[in-house]
PDB file of all heavy atoms in Angstrom:
ATOM      1  N   SER A   1      69.532 -97.118 -15.735  1.00  0.00           N
ATOM      2  CA  SER A   1      70.020 -95.893 -16.413  1.00  0.00           C
ATOM      3  C   SER A   1      69.639 -94.665 -15.405  1.00  0.00           C
ATOM      4  O   SER A   1      70.442 -93.778 -15.205  1.00  0.00           O
ATOM      5  CB  SER A   1      69.344 -95.751 -17.799  1.00  0.00           C
ATOM      6  OG  SER A   1      69.783 -94.482 -18.306  1.00  0.00           O
ATOM      7  N   SER A   2      68.495 -94.679 -14.893  1.00  0.00           N
ATOM      8  CA  SER A   2      68.062 -93.608 -13.901  1.00  0.00           C
ATOM      9  C   SER A   2      68.981 -93.622 -12.759  1.00  0.00           C
ATOM     10  O   SER A   2      69.426 -92.521 -12.303  1.00  0.00           O
ATOM     11  CB  SER A   2      66.610 -93.894 -13.619  1.00  0.00           C
ATOM     12  OG  SER A   2      66.187 -92.999 -12.543  1.00  0.00           O
ATOM     13  N   ARG A   3      69.218 -94.865 -12.214  1.00  0.00           N
ATOM     14  CA  ARG A   3      70.168 -94.984 -10.959  1.00  0.00           C
ATOM     15  C   ARG A   3      71.470 -94.317 -11.477  1.00  0.00           C
ATOM     16  O   ARG A   3      72.126 -93.635 -10.608  1.00  0.00           O
ATOM     17  CB  ARG A   3      70.270 -96.331 -10.539  1.00  0.00           C
ATOM     18  CG  ARG A   3      69.088 -96.872  -9.651  1.00  0.00           C
ATOM     19  CD  ARG A   3      69.440 -98.111  -8.858  1.00  0.00           C
ATOM     20  NE  ARG A   3      69.791 -99.196  -9.722  1.00  0.00           N
ATOM     21  CZ  ARG A   3      68.971-100.110 -10.265  1.00  0.00           C
ATOM     22  NH1 ARG A   3      67.721 -99.903 -10.122  1.00  0.00           N
ATOM     23  NH2 ARG A   3      69.469-101.044 -11.043  1.00  0.00           N
ATOM     24  N   TRP A   4      72.002 -94.761 -12.552  1.00  0.00           N
ATOM     25  CA  TRP A   4      73.355 -94.292 -12.990  1.00  0.00           C
ATOM     26  C   TRP A   4      73.382 -92.864 -13.218  1.00  0.00           C
ATOM     27  O   TRP A   4      74.250 -92.112 -12.744  1.00  0.00           O
ATOM     28  CB  TRP A   4      73.773 -95.082 -14.193  1.00  0.00           C
ATOM     29  CG  TRP A   4      75.055 -94.491 -14.811  1.00  0.00           C
ATOM     30  CD1 TRP A   4      75.259 -93.912 -15.980  1.00  0.00           C
ATOM     31  CD2 TRP A   4      76.313 -94.705 -14.150  1.00  0.00           C
ATOM     32  NE1 TRP A   4      76.548 -93.619 -16.188  1.00  0.00           N
ATOM     33  CE2 TRP A   4      77.241 -94.114 -15.159  1.00  0.00           C
ATOM     34  CE3 TRP A   4      76.887 -95.255 -13.023  1.00  0.00           C
ATOM     35  CZ2 TRP A   4      78.592 -94.069 -14.859  1.00  0.00           C
ATOM     36  CZ3 TRP A   4      78.102 -95.234 -12.720  1.00  0.00           C
ATOM     37  CH2 TRP A   4      78.919 -94.616 -13.611  1.00  0.00           C
ATOM     38  N   GLY A   5      72.283 -92.305 -13.820  1.00  0.00           N
ATOM     39  CA  GLY A   5      72.130 -90.862 -13.999  1.00  0.00           C
ATOM     40  C   GLY A   5      72.035 -90.067 -12.748  1.00  0.00           C
ATOM     41  O   GLY A   5      72.731 -89.087 -12.488  1.00  0.00           O
ATOM     42  N   LEU A   6      71.279 -90.643 -11.839  1.00  0.00           N
ATOM     43  CA  LEU A   6      71.202 -89.990 -10.437  1.00  0.00           C
ATOM     44  C   LEU A   6      72.538 -90.034  -9.730  1.00  0.00           C
ATOM     45  O   LEU A   6      72.895 -89.064  -9.124  1.00  0.00           O
ATOM     46  CB  LEU A   6      70.175 -90.767  -9.689  1.00  0.00           C
ATOM     47  CG  LEU A   6      69.652 -90.056  -8.360  1.00  0.00           C
ATOM     48  CD1 LEU A   6      69.100 -88.794  -8.657  1.00  0.00           C
ATOM     49  CD2 LEU A   6      68.654 -90.992  -7.698  1.00  0.00           C
ATOM     50  N   HIS A   7      73.248 -91.131  -9.813  1.00  0.00           N
ATOM     51  CA  HIS A   7      74.522 -91.243  -9.228  1.00  0.00           C
ATOM     52  C   HIS A   7      75.547 -90.089  -9.907  1.00  0.00           C
ATOM     53  O   HIS A   7      76.196 -89.513  -9.197  1.00  0.00           O
ATOM     54  CB  HIS A   7      75.151 -92.638  -9.549  1.00  0.00           C
ATOM     55  CG  HIS A   7      76.513 -92.787  -9.109  1.00  0.00           C
ATOM     56  ND1 HIS A   7      76.954 -92.780  -7.755  1.00  0.00           N
ATOM     57  CD2 HIS A   7      77.709 -92.956  -9.747  1.00  0.00           C
ATOM     58  CE1 HIS A   7      78.226 -92.933  -7.626  1.00  0.00           C
ATOM     59  NE2 HIS A   7      78.778 -93.027  -8.930  1.00  0.00           N
ATOM     60  N   LYS A   8      75.448 -90.059 -11.223  1.00  0.00           N
ATOM     61  CA  LYS A   8      76.268 -89.057 -11.890  1.00  0.00           C
ATOM     62  C   LYS A   8      75.922 -87.585 -11.467  1.00  0.00           C
ATOM     63  O   LYS A   8      76.777 -86.745 -11.141  1.00  0.00           O
ATOM     64  CB  LYS A   8      76.087 -89.132 -13.518  1.00  0.00           C
ATOM     65  CG  LYS A   8      76.871 -90.172 -14.012  1.00  0.00           C
ATOM     66  CD  LYS A   8      76.591 -90.335 -15.466  1.00  0.00           C
ATOM     67  CE  LYS A   8      77.595 -89.456 -16.318  1.00  0.00           C
ATOM     68  NZ  LYS A   8      77.315 -89.680 -17.782  1.00  0.00           N
ATOM     69  N   VAL A   9      74.535 -87.279 -11.173  1.00  0.00           N
ATOM     70  CA  VAL A   9      74.115 -86.068 -10.867  1.00  0.00           C
ATOM     71  C   VAL A   9      74.600 -85.731  -9.457  1.00  0.00           C
ATOM     72  O   VAL A   9      75.073 -84.645  -9.047  1.00  0.00           O
ATOM     73  CB  VAL A   9      72.590 -85.927 -10.917  1.00  0.00           C
ATOM     74  CG1 VAL A   9      72.032 -84.697 -10.166  1.00  0.00           C
ATOM     75  CG2 VAL A   9      72.121 -85.867 -12.368  1.00  0.00           C
ATOM     76  N   HIS A  10      74.449 -86.735  -8.535  1.00  0.00           N
ATOM     77  CA  HIS A  10      74.992 -86.605  -7.157  1.00  0.00           C
ATOM     78  C   HIS A  10      76.444 -86.343  -7.122  1.00  0.00           C
ATOM     79  O   HIS A  10      76.965 -85.473  -6.386  1.00  0.00           O
ATOM     80  CB  HIS A  10      74.682 -87.957  -6.238  1.00  0.00           C
ATOM     81  CG  HIS A  10      73.223 -88.013  -5.871  1.00  0.00           C
ATOM     82  ND1 HIS A  10      72.603 -86.933  -5.146  1.00  0.00           N
ATOM     83  CD2 HIS A  10      72.244 -88.847  -5.985  1.00  0.00           C
ATOM     84  CE1 HIS A  10      71.325 -87.322  -4.861  1.00  0.00           C
ATOM     85  NE2 HIS A  10      71.180 -88.412  -5.496  1.00  0.00           N
ATOM     86  N   THR A  11      77.194 -87.093  -7.936  1.00  0.00           N
ATOM     87  CA  THR A  11      78.689 -86.961  -8.036  1.00  0.00           C
ATOM     88  C   THR A  11      79.046 -85.507  -8.490  1.00  0.00           C
ATOM     89  O   THR A  11      79.956 -84.849  -7.843  1.00  0.00           O
ATOM     90  CB  THR A  11      79.275 -88.030  -8.968  1.00  0.00           C
ATOM     91  OG1 THR A  11      78.978 -89.320  -8.533  1.00  0.00           O
ATOM     92  CG2 THR A  11      80.802 -87.817  -9.052  1.00  0.00           C
ATOM     93  N   LEU A  12      78.274 -85.052  -9.539  1.00  0.00           N
ATOM     94  CA  LEU A  12      78.664 -83.751 -10.025  1.00  0.00           C
ATOM     95  C   LEU A  12      78.248 -82.636  -9.048  1.00  0.00           C
ATOM     96  O   LEU A  12      78.955 -81.630  -8.868  1.00  0.00           O
ATOM     97  CB  LEU A  12      77.832 -83.506 -11.406  1.00  0.00           C
ATOM     98  CG  LEU A  12      78.338 -84.259 -12.618  1.00  0.00           C
ATOM     99  CD1 LEU A  12      77.406 -84.072 -13.755  1.00  0.00           C
ATOM    100  CD2 LEU A  12      79.758 -83.795 -12.885  1.00  0.00           C
ATOM    101  N   TRP A  13      77.082 -82.918  -8.424  1.00  0.00           N
ATOM    102  CA  TRP A  13      76.696 -81.921  -7.305  1.00  0.00           C
ATOM    103  C   TRP A  13      77.670 -81.868  -6.186  1.00  0.00           C
ATOM    104  O   TRP A  13      78.023 -80.738  -5.728  1.00  0.00           O
ATOM    105  CB  TRP A  13      75.318 -82.290  -6.777  1.00  0.00           C
ATOM    106  CG  TRP A  13      74.841 -81.467  -5.736  1.00  0.00           C
ATOM    107  CD1 TRP A  13      74.599 -81.919  -4.378  1.00  0.00           C
ATOM    108  CD2 TRP A  13      74.402 -80.100  -5.748  1.00  0.00           C
ATOM    109  NE1 TRP A  13      74.118 -80.836  -3.670  1.00  0.00           N
ATOM    110  CE2 TRP A  13      73.939 -79.731  -4.387  1.00  0.00           C
ATOM    111  CE3 TRP A  13      74.388 -79.126  -6.680  1.00  0.00           C
ATOM    112  CZ2 TRP A  13      73.636 -78.431  -4.086  1.00  0.00           C
ATOM    113  CZ3 TRP A  13      74.034 -77.893  -6.341  1.00  0.00           C
ATOM    114  CH2 TRP A  13      73.606 -77.551  -5.069  1.00  0.00           C
ATOM    115  N   ARG A  14      78.198 -83.035  -5.774  1.00  0.00           N
ATOM    116  CA  ARG A  14      79.183 -83.058  -4.680  1.00  0.00           C
ATOM    117  C   ARG A  14      80.421 -82.385  -5.126  1.00  0.00           C
ATOM    118  O   ARG A  14      81.062 -81.637  -4.344  1.00  0.00           O
ATOM    119  CB  ARG A  14      79.392 -84.487  -4.204  1.00  0.00           C
ATOM    120  CG  ARG A  14      78.386 -85.128  -3.373  1.00  0.00           C
ATOM    121  CD  ARG A  14      78.786 -86.404  -2.819  1.00  0.00           C
ATOM    122  NE  ARG A  14      77.656 -87.250  -2.295  1.00  0.00           N
ATOM    123  CZ  ARG A  14      77.289 -88.322  -2.943  1.00  0.00           C
ATOM    124  NH1 ARG A  14      77.993 -88.978  -3.859  1.00  0.00           N
ATOM    125  NH2 ARG A  14      76.173 -88.989  -2.447  1.00  0.00           N
ATOM    126  N   SER A  15      80.776 -82.583  -6.361  1.00  0.00           N
ATOM    127  CA  SER A  15      81.986 -81.942  -6.925  1.00  0.00           C
ATOM    128  C   SER A  15      81.857 -80.492  -6.851  1.00  0.00           C
ATOM    129  O   SER A  15      82.764 -79.681  -6.485  1.00  0.00           O
ATOM    130  CB  SER A  15      82.250 -82.440  -8.324  1.00  0.00           C
ATOM    131  OG  SER A  15      83.355 -81.787  -8.860  1.00  0.00           O
ATOM    132  N   ALA A  16      80.715 -79.965  -7.313  1.00  0.00           N
ATOM    133  CA  ALA A  16      80.437 -78.530  -7.341  1.00  0.00           C
ATOM    134  C   ALA A  16      80.479 -78.028  -5.996  1.00  0.00           C
ATOM    135  O   ALA A  16      80.998 -76.923  -5.693  1.00  0.00           O
ATOM    136  CB  ALA A  16      79.116 -78.228  -8.056  1.00  0.00           C
ATOM    137  N   GLN A  17      79.826 -78.655  -5.029  1.00  0.00           N
ATOM    138  CA  GLN A  17      79.854 -78.293  -3.601  1.00  0.00           C
ATOM    139  C   GLN A  17      81.197 -78.154  -3.044  1.00  0.00           C
ATOM    140  O   GLN A  17      81.581 -77.297  -2.301  1.00  0.00           O
ATOM    141  CB  GLN A  17      78.906 -79.201  -2.758  1.00  0.00           C
ATOM    142  CG  GLN A  17      77.462 -78.940  -2.873  1.00  0.00           C
ATOM    143  CD  GLN A  17      76.628 -79.809  -2.027  1.00  0.00           C
ATOM    144  OE1 GLN A  17      76.980 -81.053  -1.776  1.00  0.00           O
ATOM    145  NE2 GLN A  17      75.581 -79.333  -1.539  1.00  0.00           N
ATOM    146  N   ARG A  18      82.156 -79.340  -3.320  1.00  0.00           N
ATOM    147  CA  ARG A  18      83.561 -79.296  -2.903  1.00  0.00           C
ATOM    148  C   ARG A  18      84.273 -78.064  -3.424  1.00  0.00           C
ATOM    149  O   ARG A  18      85.006 -77.497  -2.727  1.00  0.00           O
ATOM    150  CB  ARG A  18      84.153 -80.579  -3.398  1.00  0.00           C
ATOM    151  CG  ARG A  18      83.878 -81.748  -2.430  1.00  0.00           C
ATOM    152  CD  ARG A  18      84.738 -82.964  -2.827  1.00  0.00           C
ATOM    153  NE  ARG A  18      84.068 -84.191  -2.374  1.00  0.00           N
ATOM    154  CZ  ARG A  18      83.573 -85.099  -3.186  1.00  0.00           C
ATOM    155  NH1 ARG A  18      83.700 -84.911  -4.463  1.00  0.00           N
ATOM    156  NH2 ARG A  18      82.968 -86.131  -2.683  1.00  0.00           N
ATOM    157  N   LYS A  19      84.088 -77.789  -4.753  1.00  0.00           N
ATOM    158  CA  LYS A  19      84.827 -76.648  -5.366  1.00  0.00           C
ATOM    159  C   LYS A  19      84.368 -75.364  -4.712  1.00  0.00           C
ATOM    160  O   LYS A  19      85.213 -74.563  -4.407  1.00  0.00           O
ATOM    161  CB  LYS A  19      84.454 -76.550  -6.853  1.00  0.00           C
ATOM    162  CG  LYS A  19      85.230 -77.620  -7.717  1.00  0.00           C
ATOM    163  CD  LYS A  19      84.842 -77.442  -9.197  1.00  0.00           C
ATOM    164  CE  LYS A  19      85.537 -78.514  -9.997  1.00  0.00           C
ATOM    165  NZ  LYS A  19      85.115 -78.479 -11.423  1.00  0.00           N
ATOM    166  N   ALA A  20      83.068 -75.215  -4.457  1.00  0.00           N
ATOM    167  CA  ALA A  20      82.594 -73.925  -3.750  1.00  0.00           C
ATOM    168  C   ALA A  20      83.170 -73.879  -2.299  1.00  0.00           C
ATOM    169  O   ALA A  20      83.602 -72.827  -1.946  1.00  0.00           O
ATOM    170  CB  ALA A  20      81.046 -73.942  -3.700  1.00  0.00           C
ATOM    171  N   LYS A  21      83.063 -74.984  -1.565  1.00  0.00           N
ATOM    172  CA  LYS A  21      83.668 -74.925  -0.199  1.00  0.00           C
ATOM    173  C   LYS A  21      85.212 -74.724  -0.310  1.00  0.00           C
ATOM    174  O   LYS A  21      85.772 -74.060   0.504  1.00  0.00           O
ATOM    175  CB  LYS A  21      83.387 -76.382   0.462  1.00  0.00           C
ATOM    176  CG  LYS A  21      83.531 -76.367   1.942  1.00  0.00           C
ATOM    177  CD  LYS A  21      82.641 -75.450   2.664  1.00  0.00           C
ATOM    178  CE  LYS A  21      82.794 -75.503   4.059  1.00  0.00           C
ATOM    179  NZ  LYS A  21      81.964 -74.590   4.888  1.00  0.00           N
ATOM    180  N   ASP A  22      85.796 -75.417  -1.261  1.00  0.00           N
ATOM    181  CA  ASP A  22      87.278 -75.167  -1.322  1.00  0.00           C
ATOM    182  C   ASP A  22      87.643 -73.717  -1.671  1.00  0.00           C
ATOM    183  O   ASP A  22      88.543 -73.204  -0.942  1.00  0.00           O
ATOM    184  CB  ASP A  22      87.781 -76.051  -2.535  1.00  0.00           C
ATOM    185  CG  ASP A  22      89.338 -75.838  -2.880  1.00  0.00           C
ATOM    186  OD1 ASP A  22      90.040 -76.258  -1.926  1.00  0.00           O
ATOM    187  OD2 ASP A  22      89.679 -75.335  -3.871  1.00  0.00           O
ATOM    188  N   GLN A  23      86.888 -73.083  -2.474  1.00  0.00           N
ATOM    189  CA  GLN A  23      87.123 -71.632  -2.815  1.00  0.00           C
ATOM    190  C   GLN A  23      86.767 -70.883  -1.533  1.00  0.00           C
ATOM    191  O   GLN A  23      87.510 -69.899  -1.217  1.00  0.00           O
ATOM    192  CB  GLN A  23      86.149 -71.227  -3.997  1.00  0.00           C
ATOM    193  CG  GLN A  23      86.480 -69.777  -4.494  1.00  0.00           C
ATOM    194  CD  GLN A  23      85.677 -69.405  -5.652  1.00  0.00           C
ATOM    195  OE1 GLN A  23      84.729 -70.230  -6.010  1.00  0.00           O
ATOM    196  NE2 GLN A  23      85.866 -68.312  -6.273  1.00  0.00           N
ATOM    197  N   GLU A  24      85.737 -71.205  -0.808  1.00  0.00           N
ATOM    198  CA  GLU A  24      85.390 -70.428   0.354  1.00  0.00           C
ATOM    199  C   GLU A  24      86.415 -70.530   1.334  1.00  0.00           C
ATOM    200  O   GLU A  24      86.833 -69.555   2.059  1.00  0.00           O
ATOM    201  CB  GLU A  24      83.953 -70.907   0.829  1.00  0.00           C
ATOM    202  CG  GLU A  24      83.502 -70.232   2.085  1.00  0.00           C
ATOM    203  CD  GLU A  24      82.286 -70.940   2.611  1.00  0.00           C
ATOM    204  OE1 GLU A  24      81.425 -71.322   1.800  1.00  0.00           O
ATOM    205  OE2 GLU A  24      82.079 -70.991   3.858  1.00  0.00           O
ATOM    206  N   LEU A  25      86.854 -71.832   1.621  1.00  0.00           N
ATOM    207  CA  LEU A  25      87.972 -71.986   2.574  1.00  0.00           C
ATOM    208  C   LEU A  25      89.261 -71.258   2.167  1.00  0.00           C
ATOM    209  O   LEU A  25      89.897 -70.688   3.093  1.00  0.00           O
ATOM    210  CB  LEU A  25      88.181 -73.480   2.798  1.00  0.00           C
ATOM    211  CG  LEU A  25      87.100 -74.239   3.494  1.00  0.00           C
ATOM    212  CD1 LEU A  25      87.335 -75.751   3.518  1.00  0.00           C
ATOM    213  CD2 LEU A  25      86.895 -73.735   4.916  1.00  0.00           C
ATOM    214  N   ARG A  26      89.571 -71.317   0.952  1.00  0.00           N
ATOM    215  CA  ARG A  26      90.730 -70.606   0.540  1.00  0.00           C
ATOM    216  C   ARG A  26      90.690 -69.082   0.754  1.00  0.00           C
ATOM    217  O   ARG A  26      91.687 -68.501   1.101  1.00  0.00           O
ATOM    218  CB  ARG A  26      91.126 -70.960  -0.987  1.00  0.00           C
ATOM    219  CG  ARG A  26      91.596 -72.265  -1.220  1.00  0.00           C
ATOM    220  CD  ARG A  26      91.883 -72.579  -2.631  1.00  0.00           C
ATOM    221  NE  ARG A  26      92.198 -73.912  -2.912  1.00  0.00           N
ATOM    222  CZ  ARG A  26      93.321 -74.597  -2.692  1.00  0.00           C
ATOM    223  NH1 ARG A  26      94.361 -73.854  -2.089  1.00  0.00           N
ATOM    224  NH2 ARG A  26      93.468 -75.855  -2.916  1.00  0.00           N
TER     225      ARG A  26
END
């Protein structure tokens, strides 16, 4: 469960970073 939660957190973090980078690049 911890691994799965950590994976979800990493995925959400990457998604947030992608959105921020996407907005910055735009």
